[in-house]
Amino acid sequence: MEAYFDKILQPEVLFTLFVVFLIGRATAGGKKRENSLSPIPPTPEEVDAALERVTMSKWLEIDAELDARKKIRAIKLLRQTTGLGLKDSKEAIEARERKRDLRLH
């Protein structure tokens, strides 16, 4: 057992363990740090304001994509127009689809 501790306590082994520990800390997932590069998600008011700035002609283009059953293209078009993220754009397009379905029935 003493030979085992003598091996572990050698400077090279301790240094290697320390480096592995530091690498693990630097690359560990889980809780995000404050200096994260992820953008802060927009508030509902910011999403609404972005959607209000979309012109009628752009909504007509988006509606044409939805009529052609090209939902992904409609989401991409809305994202390009507003600068919103994927989640917010998808939710807005799905809300528009529901609203249009109610008008058509």
PDB file of N, CA and C in Angstrom:
ATOM      1  N   MET A   1       0.819  -1.180   0.000  1.00  0.00           N
ATOM      2  CA  MET A   1       0.000   0.000   0.000  1.00  0.00           C
ATOM      3  C   MET A   1       0.867   1.250   0.000  1.00  0.00           C
ATOM      4  N   GLU A   2       2.003   1.185   0.725  1.00  0.00           N
ATOM      5  CA  GLU A   2       2.907   2.331   0.753  1.00  0.00           C
ATOM      6  C   GLU A   2       3.483   2.603  -0.624  1.00  0.00           C
ATOM      7  N   ALA A   3       3.781   1.556  -1.368  1.00  0.00           N
ATOM      8  CA  ALA A   3       4.326   1.730  -2.715  1.00  0.00           C
ATOM      9  C   ALA A   3       3.306   2.431  -3.612  1.00  0.00           C
ATOM     10  N   TYR A   4       2.043   2.130  -3.407  1.00  0.00           N
ATOM     11  CA  TYR A   4       0.976   2.757  -4.189  1.00  0.00           C
ATOM     12  C   TYR A   4       0.927   4.258  -3.905  1.00  0.00           C
ATOM     13  N   PHE A   5       0.984   4.637  -2.623  1.00  0.00           N
ATOM     14  CA  PHE A   5       0.958   6.044  -2.269  1.00  0.00           C
ATOM     15  C   PHE A   5       2.215   6.765  -2.739  1.00  0.00           C
ATOM     16  N   ASP A   6       3.333   6.079  -2.703  1.00  0.00           N
ATOM     17  CA  ASP A   6       4.576   6.679  -3.196  1.00  0.00           C
ATOM     18  C   ASP A   6       4.459   7.000  -4.684  1.00  0.00           C
ATOM     19  N   LYS A   7       3.820   6.098  -5.440  1.00  0.00           N
ATOM     20  CA  LYS A   7       3.637   6.337  -6.877  1.00  0.00           C
ATOM     21  C   LYS A   7       2.703   7.515  -7.121  1.00  0.00           C
ATOM     22  N   ILE A   8       1.607   7.566  -6.384  1.00  0.00           N
ATOM     23  CA  ILE A   8       0.609   8.621  -6.592  1.00  0.00           C
ATOM     24  C   ILE A   8       1.164   9.989  -6.214  1.00  0.00           C
ATOM     25  N   LEU A   9       1.970  10.052  -5.192  1.00  0.00           N
ATOM     26  CA  LEU A   9       2.459  11.328  -4.702  1.00  0.00           C
ATOM     27  C   LEU A   9       3.671  11.849  -5.464  1.00  0.00           C
ATOM     28  N   GLN A  10       4.048  11.198  -6.533  1.00  0.00           N
ATOM     29  CA  GLN A  10       5.147  11.709  -7.348  1.00  0.00           C
ATOM     30  C   GLN A  10       4.683  12.992  -8.047  1.00  0.00           C
ATOM     31  N   PRO A  11       5.584  13.958  -8.213  1.00  0.00           N
ATOM     32  CA  PRO A  11       5.210  15.245  -8.813  1.00  0.00           C
ATOM     33  C   PRO A  11       4.576  15.120 -10.202  1.00  0.00           C
ATOM     34  N   GLU A  12       5.067  14.193 -11.018  1.00  0.00           N
ATOM     35  CA  GLU A  12       4.515  14.055 -12.373  1.00  0.00           C
ATOM     36  C   GLU A  12       3.046  13.620 -12.323  1.00  0.00           C
ATOM     37  N   VAL A  13       2.748  12.689 -11.430  1.00  0.00           N
ATOM     38  CA  VAL A  13       1.373  12.189 -11.304  1.00  0.00           C
ATOM     39  C   VAL A  13       0.468  13.289 -10.764  1.00  0.00           C
ATOM     40  N   LEU A  14       0.926  13.997  -9.745  1.00  0.00           N
ATOM     41  CA  LEU A  14       0.130  15.087  -9.182  1.00  0.00           C
ATOM     42  C   LEU A  14      -0.121  16.179 -10.220  1.00  0.00           C
ATOM     43  N   PHE A  15       0.898  16.525 -10.974  1.00  0.00           N
ATOM     44  CA  PHE A  15       0.749  17.543 -12.012  1.00  0.00           C
ATOM     45  C   PHE A  15      -0.262  17.101 -13.064  1.00  0.00           C
ATOM     46  N   THR A  16      -0.180  15.837 -13.492  1.00  0.00           N
ATOM     47  CA  THR A  16      -1.111  15.310 -14.489  1.00  0.00           C
ATOM     48  C   THR A  16      -2.542  15.346 -13.963  1.00  0.00           C
ATOM     49  N   LEU A  17      -2.737  14.932 -12.726  1.00  0.00           N
ATOM     50  CA  LEU A  17      -4.072  14.975 -12.130  1.00  0.00           C
ATOM     51  C   LEU A  17      -4.599  16.406 -12.052  1.00  0.00           C
ATOM     52  N   PHE A  18      -3.733  17.337 -11.711  1.00  0.00           N
ATOM     53  CA  PHE A  18      -4.122  18.741 -11.635  1.00  0.00           C
ATOM     54  C   PHE A  18      -4.536  19.274 -13.005  1.00  0.00           C
ATOM     55  N   VAL A  19      -3.773  18.941 -14.037  1.00  0.00           N
ATOM     56  CA  VAL A  19      -4.100  19.385 -15.397  1.00  0.00           C
ATOM     57  C   VAL A  19      -5.433  18.786 -15.849  1.00  0.00           C
ATOM     58  N   VAL A  20      -5.642  17.515 -15.582  1.00  0.00           N
ATOM     59  CA  VAL A  20      -6.912  16.867 -15.942  1.00  0.00           C
ATOM     60  C   VAL A  20      -8.067  17.551 -15.215  1.00  0.00           C
ATOM     61  N   PHE A  21      -7.871  17.884 -13.959  1.00  0.00           N
ATOM     62  CA  PHE A  21      -8.896  18.582 -13.193  1.00  0.00           C
ATOM     63  C   PHE A  21      -9.217  19.932 -13.825  1.00  0.00           C
ATOM     64  N   LEU A  22      -8.197  20.696 -14.190  1.00  0.00           N
ATOM     65  CA  LEU A  22      -8.420  22.011 -14.795  1.00  0.00           C
ATOM     66  C   LEU A  22      -9.140  21.905 -16.135  1.00  0.00           C
ATOM     67  N   ILE A  23      -8.754  20.941 -16.938  1.00  0.00           N
ATOM     68  CA  ILE A  23      -9.422  20.744 -18.231  1.00  0.00           C
ATOM     69  C   ILE A  23     -10.887  20.363 -18.008  1.00  0.00           C
ATOM     70  N   GLY A  24     -11.133  19.514 -17.051  1.00  0.00           N
ATOM     71  CA  GLY A  24     -12.505  19.125 -16.734  1.00  0.00           C
ATOM     72  C   GLY A  24     -13.348  20.302 -16.297  1.00  0.00           C
ATOM     73  N   ARG A  25     -12.797  21.163 -15.481  1.00  0.00           N
ATOM     74  CA  ARG A  25     -13.524  22.354 -15.026  1.00  0.00           C
ATOM     75  C   ARG A  25     -13.806  23.302 -16.179  1.00  0.00           C
ATOM     76  N   ALA A  26     -12.837  23.447 -17.067  1.00  0.00           N
ATOM     77  CA  ALA A  26     -12.991  24.394 -18.173  1.00  0.00           C
ATOM     78  C   ALA A  26     -14.019  23.923 -19.192  1.00  0.00           C
ATOM     79  N   THR A  27     -14.157  22.623 -19.367  1.00  0.00           N
ATOM     80  CA  THR A  27     -15.058  22.108 -20.398  1.00  0.00           C
ATOM     81  C   THR A  27     -16.345  21.530 -19.833  1.00  0.00           C
ATOM     82  N   ALA A  28     -16.536  21.624 -18.534  1.00  0.00           N
ATOM     83  CA  ALA A  28     -17.721  21.016 -17.913  1.00  0.00           C
ATOM     84  C   ALA A  28     -18.984  21.725 -18.362  1.00  0.00           C
ATOM     85  N   GLY A  29     -20.022  20.942 -18.644  1.00  0.00           N
ATOM     86  CA  GLY A  29     -21.324  21.502 -18.986  1.00  0.00           C
ATOM     87  C   GLY A  29     -22.068  21.837 -17.712  1.00  0.00           C
ATOM     88  N   GLY A  30     -23.358  21.951 -17.853  1.00  0.00           N
ATOM     89  CA  GLY A  30     -24.177  22.218 -16.687  1.00  0.00           C
ATOM     90  C   GLY A  30     -24.521  23.682 -16.579  1.00  0.00           C
ATOM     91  N   LYS A  31     -24.404  24.212 -15.394  1.00  0.00           N
ATOM     92  CA  LYS A  31     -24.818  25.579 -15.125  1.00  0.00           C
ATOM     93  C   LYS A  31     -24.024  26.571 -15.974  1.00  0.00           C
ATOM     94  N   LYS A  32     -24.767  27.471 -16.643  1.00  0.00           N
ATOM     95  CA  LYS A  32     -24.105  28.458 -17.492  1.00  0.00           C
ATOM     96  C   LYS A  32     -23.518  29.572 -16.639  1.00  0.00           C
ATOM     97  N   ARG A  33     -22.409  30.064 -17.117  1.00  0.00           N
ATOM     98  CA  ARG A  33     -21.772  31.169 -16.427  1.00  0.00           C
ATOM     99  C   ARG A  33     -22.315  32.488 -16.950  1.00  0.00           C
ATOM    100  N   GLU A  34     -22.140  33.554 -16.189  1.00  0.00           N
ATOM    101  CA  GLU A  34     -22.642  34.865 -16.582  1.00  0.00           C
ATOM    102  C   GLU A  34     -21.979  35.375 -17.853  1.00  0.00           C
ATOM    103  N   ASN A  35     -20.743  35.011 -18.099  1.00  0.00           N
ATOM    104  CA  ASN A  35     -20.037  35.506 -19.276  1.00  0.00           C
ATOM    105  C   ASN A  35     -20.252  34.593 -20.475  1.00  0.00           C
ATOM    106  N   SER A  36     -21.355  33.872 -20.476  1.00  0.00           N
ATOM    107  CA  SER A  36     -21.678  32.956 -21.570  1.00  0.00           C
ATOM    108  C   SER A  36     -21.913  33.743 -22.854  1.00  0.00           C
ATOM    109  N   LEU A  37     -21.607  33.126 -23.988  1.00  0.00           N
ATOM    110  CA  LEU A  37     -21.804  33.780 -25.274  1.00  0.00           C
ATOM    111  C   LEU A  37     -23.236  33.653 -25.772  1.00  0.00           C
ATOM    112  N   SER A  38     -24.070  32.904 -25.075  1.00  0.00           N
ATOM    113  CA  SER A  38     -25.458  32.745 -25.487  1.00  0.00           C
ATOM    114  C   SER A  38     -26.204  34.059 -25.292  1.00  0.00           C
ATOM    115  N   PRO A  39     -26.977  34.463 -26.303  1.00  0.00           N
ATOM    116  CA  PRO A  39     -27.713  35.723 -26.158  1.00  0.00           C
ATOM    117  C   PRO A  39     -28.867  35.577 -25.169  1.00  0.00           C
ATOM    118  N   ILE A  40     -29.250  36.688 -24.593  1.00  0.00           N
ATOM    119  CA  ILE A  40     -30.388  36.700 -23.680  1.00  0.00           C
ATOM    120  C   ILE A  40     -31.652  36.612 -24.523  1.00  0.00           C
ATOM    121  N   PRO A  41     -32.553  35.695 -24.201  1.00  0.00           N
ATOM    122  CA  PRO A  41     -33.769  35.579 -25.006  1.00  0.00           C
ATOM    123  C   PRO A  41     -34.605  36.852 -24.909  1.00  0.00           C
ATOM    124  N   PRO A  42     -35.282  37.203 -26.003  1.00  0.00           N
ATOM    125  CA  PRO A  42     -36.086  38.430 -25.978  1.00  0.00           C
ATOM    126  C   PRO A  42     -37.310  38.262 -25.084  1.00  0.00           C
ATOM    127  N   THR A  43     -37.772  39.382 -24.556  1.00  0.00           N
ATOM    128  CA  THR A  43     -38.991  39.371 -23.750  1.00  0.00           C
ATOM    129  C   THR A  43     -40.190  39.252 -24.688  1.00  0.00           C
ATOM    130  N   PRO A  44     -41.343  38.865 -24.166  1.00  0.00           N
ATOM    131  CA  PRO A  44     -42.539  38.809 -25.025  1.00  0.00           C
ATOM    132  C   PRO A  44     -42.851  40.152 -25.689  1.00  0.00           C
ATOM    133  N   GLU A  45     -42.572  41.242 -24.983  1.00  0.00           N
ATOM    134  CA  GLU A  45     -42.809  42.570 -25.559  1.00  0.00           C
ATOM    135  C   GLU A  45     -41.882  42.820 -26.749  1.00  0.00           C
ATOM    136  N   GLU A  46     -40.633  42.373 -26.637  1.00  0.00           N
ATOM    137  CA  GLU A  46     -39.687  42.537 -27.747  1.00  0.00           C
ATOM    138  C   GLU A  46     -40.093  41.689 -28.946  1.00  0.00           C
ATOM    139  N   VAL A  47     -40.606  40.496 -28.685  1.00  0.00           N
ATOM    140  CA  VAL A  47     -41.078  39.633 -29.777  1.00  0.00           C
ATOM    141  C   VAL A  47     -42.254  40.300 -30.470  1.00  0.00           C
ATOM    142  N   ASP A  48     -43.213  40.803 -29.673  1.00  0.00           N
ATOM    143  CA  ASP A  48     -44.381  41.474 -30.253  1.00  0.00           C
ATOM    144  C   ASP A  48     -43.969  42.687 -31.078  1.00  0.00           C
ATOM    145  N   ALA A  49     -43.016  43.462 -30.567  1.00  0.00           N
ATOM    146  CA  ALA A  49     -42.554  44.645 -31.297  1.00  0.00           C
ATOM    147  C   ALA A  49     -41.899  44.247 -32.613  1.00  0.00           C
ATOM    148  N   ALA A  50     -41.124  43.175 -32.607  1.00  0.00           N
ATOM    149  CA  ALA A  50     -40.476  42.710 -33.842  1.00  0.00           C
ATOM    150  C   ALA A  50     -41.518  42.253 -34.849  1.00  0.00           C
ATOM    151  N   LEU A  51     -42.557  41.568 -34.377  1.00  0.00           N
ATOM    152  CA  LEU A  51     -43.601  41.086 -35.284  1.00  0.00           C
ATOM    153  C   LEU A  51     -44.429  42.237 -35.850  1.00  0.00           C
ATOM    154  N   GLU A  52     -44.607  43.300 -35.071  1.00  0.00           N
ATOM    155  CA  GLU A  52     -45.356  44.465 -35.554  1.00  0.00           C
ATOM    156  C   GLU A  52     -44.607  45.200 -36.660  1.00  0.00           C
ATOM    157  N   ARG A  53     -43.299  45.078 -36.690  1.00  0.00           N
ATOM    158  CA  ARG A  53     -42.497  45.756 -37.718  1.00  0.00           C
ATOM    159  C   ARG A  53     -42.482  45.010 -39.053  1.00  0.00           C
ATOM    160  N   VAL A  54     -43.041  43.809 -39.088  1.00  0.00           N
ATOM    161  CA  VAL A  54     -43.084  43.040 -40.334  1.00  0.00           C
ATOM    162  C   VAL A  54     -44.114  43.691 -41.252  1.00  0.00           C
ATOM    163  N   THR A  55     -43.712  43.961 -42.477  1.00  0.00           N
ATOM    164  CA  THR A  55     -44.610  44.621 -43.427  1.00  0.00           C
ATOM    165  C   THR A  55     -45.677  43.657 -43.934  1.00  0.00           C
ATOM    166  N   MET A  56     -46.753  44.234 -44.476  1.00  0.00           N
ATOM    167  CA  MET A  56     -47.840  43.416 -45.006  1.00  0.00           C
ATOM    168  C   MET A  56     -47.351  42.555 -46.169  1.00  0.00           C
ATOM    169  N   SER A  57     -46.485  43.111 -47.017  1.00  0.00           N
ATOM    170  CA  SER A  57     -45.987  42.325 -48.154  1.00  0.00           C
ATOM    171  C   SER A  57     -45.164  41.122 -47.675  1.00  0.00           C
ATOM    172  N   LYS A  58     -44.436  41.303 -46.581  1.00  0.00           N
ATOM    173  CA  LYS A  58     -43.656  40.186 -46.043  1.00  0.00           C
ATOM    174  C   LYS A  58     -44.587  39.130 -45.452  1.00  0.00           C
ATOM    175  N   TRP A  59     -45.667  39.563 -44.771  1.00  0.00           N
ATOM    176  CA  TRP A  59     -46.636  38.594 -44.251  1.00  0.00           C
ATOM    177  C   TRP A  59     -47.286  37.823 -45.393  1.00  0.00           C
ATOM    178  N   LEU A  60     -47.530  38.507 -46.514  1.00  0.00           N
ATOM    179  CA  LEU A  60     -48.109  37.817 -47.672  1.00  0.00           C
ATOM    180  C   LEU A  60     -47.149  36.756 -48.203  1.00  0.00           C
ATOM    181  N   GLU A  61     -45.853  37.064 -48.208  1.00  0.00           N
ATOM    182  CA  GLU A  61     -44.853  36.066 -48.618  1.00  0.00           C
ATOM    183  C   GLU A  61     -44.859  34.872 -47.664  1.00  0.00           C
ATOM    184  N   ILE A  62     -44.923  35.174 -46.375  1.00  0.00           N
ATOM    185  CA  ILE A  62     -44.944  34.113 -45.362  1.00  0.00           C
ATOM    186  C   ILE A  62     -46.205  33.267 -45.525  1.00  0.00           C
ATOM    187  N   ASP A  63     -47.348  33.936 -45.748  1.00  0.00           N
ATOM    188  CA  ASP A  63     -48.606  33.204 -45.946  1.00  0.00           C
ATOM    189  C   ASP A  63     -48.547  32.324 -47.187  1.00  0.00           C
ATOM    190  N   ALA A  64     -47.888  32.810 -48.230  1.00  0.00           N
ATOM    191  CA  ALA A  64     -47.746  32.002 -49.449  1.00  0.00           C
ATOM    192  C   ALA A  64     -46.942  30.735 -49.158  1.00  0.00           C
ATOM    193  N   GLU A  65     -45.905  30.858 -48.342  1.00  0.00           N
ATOM    194  CA  GLU A  65     -45.119  29.678 -47.959  1.00  0.00           C
ATOM    195  C   GLU A  65     -45.979  28.702 -47.148  1.00  0.00           C
ATOM    196  N   LEU A  66     -46.799  29.248 -46.261  1.00  0.00           N
ATOM    197  CA  LEU A  66     -47.676  28.384 -45.467  1.00  0.00           C
ATOM    198  C   LEU A  66     -48.724  27.706 -46.346  1.00  0.00           C
ATOM    199  N   ASP A  67     -49.260  28.449 -47.322  1.00  0.00           N
ATOM    200  CA  ASP A  67     -50.233  27.859 -48.252  1.00  0.00           C
ATOM    201  C   ASP A  67     -49.609  26.711 -49.038  1.00  0.00           C
ATOM    202  N   ALA A  68     -48.324  26.847 -49.338  1.00  0.00           N
ATOM    203  CA  ALA A  68     -47.607  25.810 -50.085  1.00  0.00           C
ATOM    204  C   ALA A  68     -47.099  24.695 -49.159  1.00  0.00           C
ATOM    205  N   ARG A  69     -47.523  24.749 -47.895  1.00  0.00           N
ATOM    206  CA  ARG A  69     -47.109  23.759 -46.884  1.00  0.00           C
ATOM    207  C   ARG A  69     -45.591  23.742 -46.691  1.00  0.00           C
ATOM    208  N   LYS A  70     -44.998  24.913 -46.723  1.00  0.00           N
ATOM    209  CA  LYS A  70     -43.548  25.053 -46.534  1.00  0.00           C
ATOM    210  C   LYS A  70     -43.308  25.857 -45.248  1.00  0.00           C
ATOM    211  N   LYS A  71     -43.642  25.216 -44.157  1.00  0.00           N
ATOM    212  CA  LYS A  71     -43.562  25.866 -42.851  1.00  0.00           C
ATOM    213  C   LYS A  71     -42.134  26.277 -42.497  1.00  0.00           C
ATOM    214  N   ILE A  72     -41.180  25.434 -42.790  1.00  0.00           N
ATOM    215  CA  ILE A  72     -39.785  25.749 -42.456  1.00  0.00           C
ATOM    216  C   ILE A  72     -39.326  26.980 -43.221  1.00  0.00           C
ATOM    217  N   ARG A  73     -39.711  27.077 -44.485  1.00  0.00           N
ATOM    218  CA  ARG A  73     -39.335  28.265 -45.264  1.00  0.00           C
ATOM    219  C   ARG A  73     -40.011  29.513 -44.705  1.00  0.00           C
ATOM    220  N   ALA A  74     -41.242  29.368 -44.219  1.00  0.00           N
ATOM    221  CA  ALA A  74     -41.937  30.504 -43.602  1.00  0.00           C
ATOM    222  C   ALA A  74     -41.209  30.952 -42.336  1.00  0.00           C
ATOM    223  N   ILE A  75     -40.758  29.994 -41.545  1.00  0.00           N
ATOM    224  CA  ILE A  75     -40.020  30.323 -40.320  1.00  0.00           C
ATOM    225  C   ILE A  75     -38.707  31.019 -40.671  1.00  0.00           C
ATOM    226  N   LYS A  76     -38.002  30.504 -41.669  1.00  0.00           N
ATOM    227  CA  LYS A  76     -36.737  31.129 -42.090  1.00  0.00           C
ATOM    228  C   LYS A  76     -36.968  32.558 -42.559  1.00  0.00           C
ATOM    229  N   LEU A  77     -38.025  32.767 -43.319  1.00  0.00           N
ATOM    230  CA  LEU A  77     -38.337  34.102 -43.833  1.00  0.00           C
ATOM    231  C   LEU A  77     -38.635  35.061 -42.686  1.00  0.00           C
ATOM    232  N   LEU A  78     -39.391  34.599 -41.705  1.00  0.00           N
ATOM    233  CA  LEU A  78     -39.689  35.444 -40.546  1.00  0.00           C
ATOM    234  C   LEU A  78     -38.423  35.741 -39.749  1.00  0.00           C
ATOM    235  N   ARG A  79     -37.559  34.757 -39.595  1.00  0.00           N
ATOM    236  CA  ARG A  79     -36.299  34.975 -38.870  1.00  0.00           C
ATOM    237  C   ARG A  79     -35.433  36.008 -39.572  1.00  0.00           C
ATOM    238  N   GLN A  80     -35.341  35.900 -40.901  1.00  0.00           N
ATOM    239  CA  GLN A  80     -34.539  36.862 -41.662  1.00  0.00           C
ATOM    240  C   GLN A  80     -35.115  38.268 -41.543  1.00  0.00           C
ATOM    241  N   THR A  81     -36.420  38.363 -41.513  1.00  0.00           N
ATOM    242  CA  THR A  81     -37.082  39.662 -41.483  1.00  0.00           C
ATOM    243  C   THR A  81     -36.981  40.330 -40.119  1.00  0.00           C
ATOM    244  N   THR A  82     -37.138  39.547 -39.058  1.00  0.00           N
ATOM    245  CA  THR A  82     -37.219  40.120 -37.712  1.00  0.00           C
ATOM    246  C   THR A  82     -35.934  40.024 -36.901  1.00  0.00           C
ATOM    247  N   GLY A  83     -35.097  39.034 -37.224  1.00  0.00           N
ATOM    248  CA  GLY A  83     -33.912  38.799 -36.403  1.00  0.00           C
ATOM    249  C   GLY A  83     -34.221  37.986 -35.159  1.00  0.00           C
ATOM    250  N   LEU A  84     -35.445  37.480 -35.061  1.00  0.00           N
ATOM    251  CA  LEU A  84     -35.812  36.645 -33.911  1.00  0.00           C
ATOM    252  C   LEU A  84     -35.122  35.293 -33.997  1.00  0.00           C
ATOM    253  N   GLY A  85     -35.074  34.605 -32.888  1.00  0.00           N
ATOM    254  CA  GLY A  85     -34.489  33.272 -32.848  1.00  0.00           C
ATOM    255  C   GLY A  85     -35.449  32.232 -33.395  1.00  0.00           C
ATOM    256  N   LEU A  86     -34.952  31.015 -33.496  1.00  0.00           N
ATOM    257  CA  LEU A  86     -35.740  29.919 -34.054  1.00  0.00           C
ATOM    258  C   LEU A  86     -37.001  29.651 -33.236  1.00  0.00           C
ATOM    259  N   LYS A  87     -36.859  29.587 -31.929  1.00  0.00           N
ATOM    260  CA  LYS A  87     -38.000  29.260 -31.063  1.00  0.00           C
ATOM    261  C   LYS A  87     -39.109  30.295 -31.205  1.00  0.00           C
ATOM    262  N   ASP A  88     -38.754  31.576 -31.112  1.00  0.00           N
ATOM    263  CA  ASP A  88     -39.763  32.628 -31.187  1.00  0.00           C
ATOM    264  C   ASP A  88     -40.397  32.696 -32.572  1.00  0.00           C
ATOM    265  N   SER A  89     -39.596  32.509 -33.601  1.00  0.00           N
ATOM    266  CA  SER A  89     -40.133  32.530 -34.965  1.00  0.00           C
ATOM    267  C   SER A  89     -41.073  31.355 -35.196  1.00  0.00           C
ATOM    268  N   LYS A  90     -40.684  30.185 -34.719  1.00  0.00           N
ATOM    269  CA  LYS A  90     -41.536  28.997 -34.876  1.00  0.00           C
ATOM    270  C   LYS A  90     -42.864  29.198 -34.159  1.00  0.00           C
ATOM    271  N   GLU A  91     -42.811  29.722 -32.945  1.00  0.00           N
ATOM    272  CA  GLU A  91     -44.040  29.965 -32.188  1.00  0.00           C
ATOM    273  C   GLU A  91     -44.929  30.988 -32.888  1.00  0.00           C
ATOM    274  N   ALA A  92     -44.329  32.031 -33.467  1.00  0.00           N
ATOM    275  CA  ALA A  92     -45.110  33.054 -34.168  1.00  0.00           C
ATOM    276  C   ALA A  92     -45.769  32.479 -35.416  1.00  0.00           C
ATOM    277  N   ILE A  93     -45.043  31.659 -36.154  1.00  0.00           N
ATOM    278  CA  ILE A  93     -45.603  31.044 -37.365  1.00  0.00           C
ATOM    279  C   ILE A  93     -46.731  30.085 -36.991  1.00  0.00           C
ATOM    280  N   GLU A  94     -46.538  29.306 -35.949  1.00  0.00           N
ATOM    281  CA  GLU A  94     -47.586  28.373 -35.527  1.00  0.00           C
ATOM    282  C   GLU A  94     -48.826  29.119 -35.044  1.00  0.00           C
ATOM    283  N   ALA A  95     -48.634  30.248 -34.361  1.00  0.00           N
ATOM    284  CA  ALA A  95     -49.772  31.065 -33.932  1.00  0.00           C
ATOM    285  C   ALA A  95     -50.494  31.636 -35.151  1.00  0.00           C
ATOM    286  N   ARG A  96     -49.735  32.058 -36.148  1.00  0.00           N
ATOM    287  CA  ARG A  96     -50.347  32.586 -37.378  1.00  0.00           C
ATOM    288  C   ARG A  96     -51.133  31.486 -38.090  1.00  0.00           C
ATOM    289  N   GLU A  97     -50.583  30.276 -38.124  1.00  0.00           N
ATOM    290  CA  GLU A  97     -51.295  29.150 -38.744  1.00  0.00           C
ATOM    291  C   GLU A  97     -52.629  28.891 -38.040  1.00  0.00           C
ATOM    292  N   ARG A  98     -52.610  28.898 -36.716  1.00  0.00           N
ATOM    293  CA  ARG A  98     -53.849  28.659 -35.961  1.00  0.00           C
ATOM    294  C   ARG A  98     -54.871  29.756 -36.242  1.00  0.00           C
ATOM    295  N   LYS A  99     -54.398  30.990 -36.269  1.00  0.00           N
ATOM    296  CA  LYS A  99     -55.276  32.131 -36.529  1.00  0.00           C
ATOM    297  C   LYS A  99     -55.878  32.036 -37.930  1.00  0.00           C
ATOM    298  N   ARG A 100     -55.065  31.659 -38.901  1.00  0.00           N
ATOM    299  CA  ARG A 100     -55.551  31.520 -40.280  1.00  0.00           C
ATOM    300  C   ARG A 100     -56.538  30.367 -40.396  1.00  0.00           C
ATOM    301  N   ASP A 101     -56.271  29.270 -39.700  1.00  0.00           N
ATOM    302  CA  ASP A 101     -57.182  28.123 -39.738  1.00  0.00           C
ATOM    303  C   ASP A 101     -58.553  28.492 -39.185  1.00  0.00           C
ATOM    304  N   LEU A 102     -58.585  29.316 -38.144  1.00  0.00           N
ATOM    305  CA  LEU A 102     -59.861  29.738 -37.572  1.00  0.00           C
ATOM    306  C   LEU A 102     -60.645  30.598 -38.557  1.00  0.00           C
ATOM    307  N   ARG A 103     -59.941  31.446 -39.295  1.00  0.00           N
ATOM    308  CA  ARG A 103     -60.621  32.304 -40.275  1.00  0.00           C
ATOM    309  C   ARG A 103     -61.146  31.501 -41.453  1.00  0.00           C
ATOM    310  N   LEU A 104     -60.451  30.445 -41.830  1.00  0.00           N
ATOM    311  CA  LEU A 104     -60.837  29.668 -43.002  1.00  0.00           C
ATOM    312  C   LEU A 104     -61.984  28.706 -42.713  1.00  0.00           C
ATOM    313  N   HIS A 105     -62.233  28.380 -41.456  1.00  0.00           N
ATOM    314  CA  HIS A 105     -63.296  27.411 -41.131  1.00  0.00           C
ATOM    315  C   HIS A 105     -64.522  28.088 -40.628  1.00  0.00           C
TER     316      HIS A 105
END
